[in-house]
Amino acid sequence: MAESTIEQHTLAGWDKPDLDLSAADWHSSSKGRGDVQIAFVEGFIAMRNGGSPQNPSLIFTPAEWGAFVLGAREGEFDLT
């Protein structure tokens, strides 16, 4: 088998810890398909798909979360 030439690099500015989310208190936006869940863990905000909780979660700093929430409130992510 050929040796892999793929290198893994740390992303610039990626200073988020590897959080243990196993005991996180997840909050749901709704109940149903495509349910988005968030948890506040060790000063960070984790977001996951409640329909597939085994998949990786997105981790936000408070500043990133604030910018996301503000953008959502202002319709930045509306698809219409």
C-alpha atoms as a PDB file:
ATOM      1  CA  MET A   1       0.000   0.000   0.000  1.00  0.00           C
ATOM      2  CA  ALA A   2       1.321   3.441  -0.913  1.00  0.00           C
ATOM      3  CA  GLU A   3       2.200   5.838   1.863  1.00  0.00           C
ATOM      4  CA  SER A   4      -0.192   8.769   2.230  1.00  0.00           C
ATOM      5  CA  THR A   5       1.125  12.163   1.194  1.00  0.00           C
ATOM      6  CA  ILE A   6      -1.734  14.064   2.801  1.00  0.00           C
ATOM      7  CA  GLU A   7      -0.596  16.404   5.551  1.00  0.00           C
ATOM      8  CA  GLN A   8      -2.873  17.635   8.278  1.00  0.00           C
ATOM      9  CA  HIS A   9      -2.468  21.260   9.270  1.00  0.00           C
ATOM     10  CA  THR A  10      -3.985  23.081  12.187  1.00  0.00           C
ATOM     11  CA  LEU A  11      -6.238  25.861  10.972  1.00  0.00           C
ATOM     12  CA  ALA A  12      -4.975  29.339  11.727  1.00  0.00           C
ATOM     13  CA  GLY A  13      -6.857  30.791  14.666  1.00  0.00           C
ATOM     14  CA  TRP A  14      -8.316  27.427  15.690  1.00  0.00           C
ATOM     15  CA  ASP A  15      -8.004  27.753  19.439  1.00  0.00           C
ATOM     16  CA  LYS A  16     -11.043  25.754  20.515  1.00  0.00           C
ATOM     17  CA  PRO A  17     -10.618  22.864  22.910  1.00  0.00           C
ATOM     18  CA  ASP A  18     -11.721  19.311  22.293  1.00  0.00           C
ATOM     19  CA  LEU A  19     -14.796  19.464  24.533  1.00  0.00           C
ATOM     20  CA  ASP A  20     -16.356  16.459  26.248  1.00  0.00           C
ATOM     21  CA  LEU A  21     -19.983  16.722  25.121  1.00  0.00           C
ATOM     22  CA  SER A  22     -21.103  13.379  26.576  1.00  0.00           C
ATOM     23  CA  ALA A  23     -22.819  15.019  29.570  1.00  0.00           C
ATOM     24  CA  ALA A  24     -23.897  18.222  27.792  1.00  0.00           C
ATOM     25  CA  ASP A  25     -27.395  19.567  28.444  1.00  0.00           C
ATOM     26  CA  TRP A  26     -28.708  19.906  24.884  1.00  0.00           C
ATOM     27  CA  HIS A  27     -31.491  22.402  24.105  1.00  0.00           C
ATOM     28  CA  SER A  28     -33.703  21.907  21.054  1.00  0.00           C
ATOM     29  CA  SER A  29     -35.151  24.498  18.732  1.00  0.00           C
ATOM     30  CA  SER A  30     -38.033  22.164  17.937  1.00  0.00           C
ATOM     31  CA  LYS A  31     -38.984  18.535  17.981  1.00  0.00           C
ATOM     32  CA  GLY A  32     -38.719  16.796  14.674  1.00  0.00           C
ATOM     33  CA  ARG A  33     -36.648  16.177  11.616  1.00  0.00           C
ATOM     34  CA  GLY A  34     -33.654  18.444  11.183  1.00  0.00           C
ATOM     35  CA  ASP A  35     -33.786  19.477  14.820  1.00  0.00           C
ATOM     36  CA  VAL A  36     -30.934  21.836  15.730  1.00  0.00           C
ATOM     37  CA  GLN A  37     -29.648  21.478  19.278  1.00  0.00           C
ATOM     38  CA  ILE A  38     -27.256  23.655  21.260  1.00  0.00           C
ATOM     39  CA  ALA A  39     -25.392  23.182  24.525  1.00  0.00           C
ATOM     40  CA  PHE A  40     -23.328  25.583  26.614  1.00  0.00           C
ATOM     41  CA  VAL A  41     -20.141  23.800  27.677  1.00  0.00           C
ATOM     42  CA  GLU A  42     -17.087  25.269  29.409  1.00  0.00           C
ATOM     43  CA  GLY A  43     -17.695  28.766  28.021  1.00  0.00           C
ATOM     44  CA  PHE A  44     -18.302  27.573  24.459  1.00  0.00           C
ATOM     45  CA  ILE A  45     -21.469  26.851  22.493  1.00  0.00           C
ATOM     46  CA  ALA A  46     -21.859  23.494  20.761  1.00  0.00           C
ATOM     47  CA  MET A  47     -24.385  22.967  17.961  1.00  0.00           C
ATOM     48  CA  ARG A  48     -25.463  19.635  16.526  1.00  0.00           C
ATOM     49  CA  ASN A  49     -28.122  17.976  14.414  1.00  0.00           C
ATOM     50  CA  GLY A  50     -30.483  16.361  16.922  1.00  0.00           C
ATOM     51  CA  GLY A  51     -31.516  13.828  14.288  1.00  0.00           C
ATOM     52  CA  SER A  52     -27.915  12.598  14.067  1.00  0.00           C
ATOM     53  CA  PRO A  53     -26.371  13.331  17.468  1.00  0.00           C
ATOM     54  CA  GLN A  54     -23.527  10.885  16.821  1.00  0.00           C
ATOM     55  CA  ASN A  55     -22.135  13.196  14.125  1.00  0.00           C
ATOM     56  CA  PRO A  56     -19.616  15.921  15.005  1.00  0.00           C
ATOM     57  CA  SER A  57     -20.812  19.119  16.644  1.00  0.00           C
ATOM     58  CA  LEU A  58     -19.873  22.640  15.637  1.00  0.00           C
ATOM     59  CA  ILE A  59     -18.115  24.584  18.390  1.00  0.00           C
ATOM     60  CA  PHE A  60     -18.471  28.369  18.670  1.00  0.00           C
ATOM     61  CA  THR A  61     -16.818  30.956  20.882  1.00  0.00           C
ATOM     62  CA  PRO A  62     -19.236  33.400  22.549  1.00  0.00           C
ATOM     63  CA  ALA A  63     -18.250  36.075  19.993  1.00  0.00           C
ATOM     64  CA  GLU A  64     -18.871  33.721  17.065  1.00  0.00           C
ATOM     65  CA  TRP A  65     -22.201  32.631  18.536  1.00  0.00           C
ATOM     66  CA  GLY A  66     -23.240  36.254  19.042  1.00  0.00           C
ATOM     67  CA  ALA A  67     -22.428  37.069  15.415  1.00  0.00           C
ATOM     68  CA  PHE A  68     -24.362  34.002  14.240  1.00  0.00           C
ATOM     69  CA  VAL A  69     -27.446  34.856  16.313  1.00  0.00           C
ATOM     70  CA  LEU A  70     -27.362  38.494  15.171  1.00  0.00           C
ATOM     71  CA  GLY A  71     -27.080  37.392  11.534  1.00  0.00           C
ATOM     72  CA  ALA A  72     -29.987  34.976  11.949  1.00  0.00           C
ATOM     73  CA  ARG A  73     -32.153  37.665  13.535  1.00  0.00           C
ATOM     74  CA  GLU A  74     -31.359  40.041  10.676  1.00  0.00           C
ATOM     75  CA  GLY A  75     -32.259  37.438   8.033  1.00  0.00           C
ATOM     76  CA  GLU A  76     -28.709  36.912   6.788  1.00  0.00           C
ATOM     77  CA  PHE A  77     -29.326  33.191   6.311  1.00  0.00           C
ATOM     78  CA  ASP A  78     -32.839  33.333   4.838  1.00  0.00           C
ATOM     79  CA  LEU A  79     -33.090  31.295   1.661  1.00  0.00           C
ATOM     80  CA  THR A  80     -36.000  33.210   0.159  1.00  0.00           C
END
